[in-house]
């Protein structure tokens, strides 16, 4: 719904973040954790900032 009302710009990033979140529930693989940290910094954090900026306008 948020994608449909233009609250978020790239639905694929958000779906990927949700998928990765589900992977981490019981993950104890250090290499996977390091990969996820990079994804958070490079993909998900900018998406969260964009959404925050949009919500702050209102």
PDB file of N, CA and C in Angstrom:
ATOM      1  N   UNK A   1       0.818  -1.192   0.000  1.00  0.00           N
ATOM      2  CA  UNK A   1       0.000   0.000   0.000  1.00  0.00           C
ATOM      3  C   UNK A   1       0.867   1.263   0.000  1.00  0.00           C
ATOM      4  N   UNK A   2       1.937   1.278   0.780  1.00  0.00           N
ATOM      5  CA  UNK A   2       2.794   2.462   0.843  1.00  0.00           C
ATOM      6  C   UNK A   2       3.385   2.774  -0.526  1.00  0.00           C
ATOM      7  N   UNK A   3       3.706   1.744  -1.285  1.00  0.00           N
ATOM      8  CA  UNK A   3       4.246   1.946  -2.630  1.00  0.00           C
ATOM      9  C   UNK A   3       3.176   2.541  -3.542  1.00  0.00           C
ATOM     10  N   UNK A   4       1.960   2.069  -3.399  1.00  0.00           N
ATOM     11  CA  UNK A   4       0.865   2.533  -4.246  1.00  0.00           C
ATOM     12  C   UNK A   4       0.518   4.000  -4.017  1.00  0.00           C
ATOM     13  N   UNK A   5       0.736   4.489  -2.808  1.00  0.00           N
ATOM     14  CA  UNK A   5       0.425   5.899  -2.534  1.00  0.00           C
ATOM     15  C   UNK A   5       1.682   6.766  -2.563  1.00  0.00           C
ATOM     16  N   UNK A   6       2.751   6.241  -3.153  1.00  0.00           N
ATOM     17  CA  UNK A   6       4.016   6.960  -3.332  1.00  0.00           C
ATOM     18  C   UNK A   6       4.692   7.373  -2.028  1.00  0.00           C
ATOM     19  N   UNK A   7       4.441   6.628  -0.965  1.00  0.00           N
ATOM     20  CA  UNK A   7       5.138   6.884   0.289  1.00  0.00           C
ATOM     21  C   UNK A   7       6.566   6.353   0.206  1.00  0.00           C
ATOM     22  N   UNK A   8       6.723   5.262  -0.521  1.00  0.00           N
ATOM     23  CA  UNK A   8       8.052   4.708  -0.778  1.00  0.00           C
ATOM     24  C   UNK A   8       8.254   4.653  -2.279  1.00  0.00           C
ATOM     25  N   UNK A   9       9.513   4.819  -2.699  1.00  0.00           N
ATOM     26  CA  UNK A   9       9.795   4.906  -4.120  1.00  0.00           C
ATOM     27  C   UNK A   9      10.120   3.592  -4.789  1.00  0.00           C
ATOM     28  N   UNK A  10      10.879   2.746  -4.138  1.00  0.00           N
ATOM     29  CA  UNK A  10      11.338   1.516  -4.761  1.00  0.00           C
ATOM     30  C   UNK A  10      10.831   0.324  -3.959  1.00  0.00           C
ATOM     31  N   UNK A  11       9.747  -0.238  -4.408  1.00  0.00           N
ATOM     32  CA  UNK A  11       9.136  -1.357  -3.702  1.00  0.00           C
ATOM     33  C   UNK A  11      10.044  -2.566  -3.600  1.00  0.00           C
ATOM     34  N   UNK A  12      10.915  -2.733  -4.581  1.00  0.00           N
ATOM     35  CA  UNK A  12      11.817  -3.891  -4.573  1.00  0.00           C
ATOM     36  C   UNK A  12      12.801  -3.832  -3.401  1.00  0.00           C
ATOM     37  N   UNK A  13      13.280  -2.650  -3.087  1.00  0.00           N
ATOM     38  CA  UNK A  13      14.199  -2.496  -1.954  1.00  0.00           C
ATOM     39  C   UNK A  13      13.500  -2.898  -0.666  1.00  0.00           C
ATOM     40  N   UNK A  14      12.266  -2.478  -0.501  1.00  0.00           N
ATOM     41  CA  UNK A  14      11.531  -2.784   0.724  1.00  0.00           C
ATOM     42  C   UNK A  14      11.195  -4.262   0.818  1.00  0.00           C
ATOM     43  N   UNK A  15      10.842  -4.884  -0.292  1.00  0.00           N
ATOM     44  CA  UNK A  15      10.558  -6.317  -0.286  1.00  0.00           C
ATOM     45  C   UNK A  15      11.827  -7.108   0.008  1.00  0.00           C
ATOM     46  N   UNK A  16      12.944  -6.653  -0.533  1.00  0.00           N
ATOM     47  CA  UNK A  16      14.222  -7.311  -0.274  1.00  0.00           C
ATOM     48  C   UNK A  16      14.593  -7.177   1.201  1.00  0.00           C
ATOM     49  N   UNK A  17      14.382  -6.016   1.763  1.00  0.00           N
ATOM     50  CA  UNK A  17      14.676  -5.795   3.186  1.00  0.00           C
ATOM     51  C   UNK A  17      13.834  -6.723   4.053  1.00  0.00           C
ATOM     52  N   UNK A  18      12.585  -6.874   3.713  1.00  0.00           N
ATOM     53  CA  UNK A  18      11.705  -7.770   4.468  1.00  0.00           C
ATOM     54  C   UNK A  18      12.181  -9.217   4.350  1.00  0.00           C
ATOM     55  N   UNK A  19      12.563  -9.603   3.163  1.00  0.00           N
ATOM     56  CA  UNK A  19      13.071 -10.960   2.944  1.00  0.00           C
ATOM     57  C   UNK A  19      14.339 -11.213   3.752  1.00  0.00           C
ATOM     58  N   UNK A  20      15.245 -10.246   3.729  1.00  0.00           N
ATOM     59  CA  UNK A  20      16.493 -10.378   4.478  1.00  0.00           C
ATOM     60  C   UNK A  20      16.231 -10.377   5.979  1.00  0.00           C
ATOM     61  N   UNK A  21      15.278  -9.606   6.402  1.00  0.00           N
ATOM     62  CA  UNK A  21      14.914  -9.590   7.822  1.00  0.00           C
ATOM     63  C   UNK A  21      14.450 -10.975   8.257  1.00  0.00           C
ATOM     64  N   UNK A  22      13.657 -11.626   7.434  1.00  0.00           N
ATOM     65  CA  UNK A  22      13.188 -12.965   7.760  1.00  0.00           C
ATOM     66  C   UNK A  22      14.337 -13.965   7.810  1.00  0.00           C
ATOM     67  N   UNK A  23      15.358 -13.759   6.996  1.00  0.00           N
ATOM     68  CA  UNK A  23      16.538 -14.632   7.015  1.00  0.00           C
ATOM     69  C   UNK A  23      17.318 -14.503   8.324  1.00  0.00           C
ATOM     70  N   UNK A  24      17.319 -13.310   8.878  1.00  0.00           N
ATOM     71  CA  UNK A  24      18.167 -13.053  10.046  1.00  0.00           C
ATOM     72  C   UNK A  24      17.560 -13.510  11.359  1.00  0.00           C
ATOM     73  N   UNK A  25      16.339 -13.945  11.347  1.00  0.00           N
ATOM     74  CA  UNK A  25      15.678 -14.334  12.587  1.00  0.00           C
ATOM     75  C   UNK A  25      16.485 -15.375  13.358  1.00  0.00           C
ATOM     76  N   UNK A  26      17.007 -16.352  12.644  1.00  0.00           N
ATOM     77  CA  UNK A  26      17.778 -17.410  13.296  1.00  0.00           C
ATOM     78  C   UNK A  26      19.107 -17.628  12.590  1.00  0.00           C
ATOM     79  N   UNK A  27      19.731 -16.561  12.143  1.00  0.00           N
ATOM     80  CA  UNK A  27      21.001 -16.675  11.424  1.00  0.00           C
ATOM     81  C   UNK A  27      22.174 -16.511  12.376  1.00  0.00           C
ATOM     82  N   UNK A  28      23.070 -17.458  12.293  1.00  0.00           N
ATOM     83  CA  UNK A  28      24.276 -17.394  13.105  1.00  0.00           C
ATOM     84  C   UNK A  28      25.513 -17.489  12.222  1.00  0.00           C
ATOM     85  N   UNK A  29      25.332 -17.189  10.941  1.00  0.00           N
ATOM     86  CA  UNK A  29      26.414 -17.245   9.959  1.00  0.00           C
ATOM     87  C   UNK A  29      27.038 -15.856   9.858  1.00  0.00           C
ATOM     88  N   UNK A  30      28.274 -15.733  10.314  1.00  0.00           N
ATOM     89  CA  UNK A  30      28.924 -14.423  10.371  1.00  0.00           C
ATOM     90  C   UNK A  30      29.083 -13.792   8.989  1.00  0.00           C
ATOM     91  N   UNK A  31      29.377 -14.596   7.969  1.00  0.00           N
ATOM     92  CA  UNK A  31      29.532 -14.060   6.613  1.00  0.00           C
ATOM     93  C   UNK A  31      28.220 -13.463   6.114  1.00  0.00           C
ATOM     94  N   UNK A  32      27.106 -14.131   6.394  1.00  0.00           N
ATOM     95  CA  UNK A  32      25.799 -13.612   5.987  1.00  0.00           C
ATOM     96  C   UNK A  32      25.489 -12.315   6.732  1.00  0.00           C
ATOM     97  N   UNK A  33      25.814 -12.278   7.990  1.00  0.00           N
ATOM     98  CA  UNK A  33      25.578 -11.061   8.778  1.00  0.00           C
ATOM     99  C   UNK A  33      26.359  -9.878   8.204  1.00  0.00           C
ATOM    100  N   UNK A  34      27.604 -10.109   7.838  1.00  0.00           N
ATOM    101  CA  UNK A  34      28.414  -9.031   7.252  1.00  0.00           C
ATOM    102  C   UNK A  34      27.815  -8.543   5.936  1.00  0.00           C
ATOM    103  N   UNK A  35      27.316  -9.470   5.124  1.00  0.00           N
ATOM    104  CA  UNK A  35      26.655  -9.100   3.867  1.00  0.00           C
ATOM    105  C   UNK A  35      25.403  -8.275   4.141  1.00  0.00           C
ATOM    106  N   UNK A  36      24.640  -8.691   5.133  1.00  0.00           N
ATOM    107  CA  UNK A  36      23.423  -7.959   5.482  1.00  0.00           C
ATOM    108  C   UNK A  36      23.729  -6.563   6.002  1.00  0.00           C
ATOM    109  N   UNK A  37      24.790  -6.427   6.763  1.00  0.00           N
ATOM    110  CA  UNK A  37      25.179  -5.102   7.260  1.00  0.00           C
ATOM    111  C   UNK A  37      25.488  -4.174   6.094  1.00  0.00           C
ATOM    112  N   UNK A  38      26.176  -4.682   5.093  1.00  0.00           N
ATOM    113  CA  UNK A  38      26.465  -3.857   3.909  1.00  0.00           C
ATOM    114  C   UNK A  38      25.177  -3.473   3.194  1.00  0.00           C
ATOM    115  N   UNK A  39      24.233  -4.406   3.077  1.00  0.00           N
ATOM    116  CA  UNK A  39      22.958  -4.105   2.434  1.00  0.00           C
ATOM    117  C   UNK A  39      22.196  -3.036   3.201  1.00  0.00           C
ATOM    118  N   UNK A  40      22.229  -3.133   4.509  1.00  0.00           N
ATOM    119  CA  UNK A  40      21.542  -2.139   5.335  1.00  0.00           C
ATOM    120  C   UNK A  40      22.128  -0.758   5.093  1.00  0.00           C
ATOM    121  N   UNK A  41      23.449  -0.678   5.106  1.00  0.00           N
ATOM    122  CA  UNK A  41      24.108   0.619   4.930  1.00  0.00           C
ATOM    123  C   UNK A  41      23.909   1.187   3.526  1.00  0.00           C
ATOM    124  N   UNK A  42      23.995   0.352   2.516  1.00  0.00           N
ATOM    125  CA  UNK A  42      24.002   0.837   1.132  1.00  0.00           C
ATOM    126  C   UNK A  42      22.618   0.938   0.509  1.00  0.00           C
ATOM    127  N   UNK A  43      21.675   0.098   0.936  1.00  0.00           N
ATOM    128  CA  UNK A  43      20.367   0.080   0.290  1.00  0.00           C
ATOM    129  C   UNK A  43      19.225   0.517   1.204  1.00  0.00           C
ATOM    130  N   UNK A  44      19.149  -0.117   2.369  1.00  0.00           N
ATOM    131  CA  UNK A  44      17.970   0.087   3.201  1.00  0.00           C
ATOM    132  C   UNK A  44      17.987   1.402   3.971  1.00  0.00           C
ATOM    133  N   UNK A  45      19.134   1.795   4.469  1.00  0.00           N
ATOM    134  CA  UNK A  45      19.220   3.062   5.197  1.00  0.00           C
ATOM    135  C   UNK A  45      18.865   4.257   4.298  1.00  0.00           C
ATOM    136  N   UNK A  46      19.386   4.329   3.060  1.00  0.00           N
ATOM    137  CA  UNK A  46      18.962   5.419   2.185  1.00  0.00           C
ATOM    138  C   UNK A  46      17.452   5.393   1.903  1.00  0.00           C
ATOM    139  N   UNK A  47      16.884   4.204   1.768  1.00  0.00           N
ATOM    140  CA  UNK A  47      15.442   4.102   1.531  1.00  0.00           C
ATOM    141  C   UNK A  47      14.668   4.591   2.752  1.00  0.00           C
ATOM    142  N   UNK A  48      15.131   4.247   3.940  1.00  0.00           N
ATOM    143  CA  UNK A  48      14.488   4.733   5.159  1.00  0.00           C
ATOM    144  C   UNK A  48      14.602   6.246   5.283  1.00  0.00           C
ATOM    145  N   UNK A  49      15.747   6.793   4.924  1.00  0.00           N
ATOM    146  CA  UNK A  49      15.929   8.243   4.978  1.00  0.00           C
ATOM    147  C   UNK A  49      14.987   8.944   4.009  1.00  0.00           C
ATOM    148  N   UNK A  50      14.853   8.396   2.817  1.00  0.00           N
ATOM    149  CA  UNK A  50      13.940   8.977   1.835  1.00  0.00           C
ATOM    150  C   UNK A  50      12.512   8.964   2.362  1.00  0.00           C
ATOM    151  N   UNK A  51      12.095   7.851   2.950  1.00  0.00           N
ATOM    152  CA  UNK A  51      10.743   7.773   3.493  1.00  0.00           C
ATOM    153  C   UNK A  51      10.587   8.762   4.657  1.00  0.00           C
ATOM    154  N   UNK A  52      11.585   8.856   5.501  1.00  0.00           N
ATOM    155  CA  UNK A  52      11.544   9.802   6.611  1.00  0.00           C
ATOM    156  C   UNK A  52      11.382  11.235   6.095  1.00  0.00           C
ATOM    157  N   UNK A  53      12.159  11.573   5.083  1.00  0.00           N
ATOM    158  CA  UNK A  53      12.092  12.915   4.500  1.00  0.00           C
ATOM    159  C   UNK A  53      10.690  13.195   3.940  1.00  0.00           C
ATOM    160  N   UNK A  54      10.115  12.197   3.290  1.00  0.00           N
ATOM    161  CA  UNK A  54       8.764  12.368   2.732  1.00  0.00           C
ATOM    162  C   UNK A  54       7.741  12.564   3.842  1.00  0.00           C
ATOM    163  N   UNK A  55       7.856  11.781   4.909  1.00  0.00           N
ATOM    164  CA  UNK A  55       6.921  11.913   6.016  1.00  0.00           C
ATOM    165  C   UNK A  55       7.105  13.216   6.767  1.00  0.00           C
ATOM    166  N   UNK A  56       8.312  13.732   6.795  1.00  0.00           N
ATOM    167  CA  UNK A  56       8.589  14.985   7.503  1.00  0.00           C
ATOM    168  C   UNK A  56       8.000  16.192   6.784  1.00  0.00           C
ATOM    169  N   UNK A  57       7.727  16.072   5.505  1.00  0.00           N
ATOM    170  CA  UNK A  57       7.143  17.176   4.738  1.00  0.00           C
ATOM    171  C   UNK A  57       5.718  17.471   5.162  1.00  0.00           C
ATOM    172  N   UNK A  58       5.042  16.452   5.628  1.00  0.00           N
ATOM    173  CA  UNK A  58       3.606  16.617   5.920  1.00  0.00           C
ATOM    174  C   UNK A  58       3.336  17.199   7.264  1.00  0.00           C
TER     175      UNK A  58
END
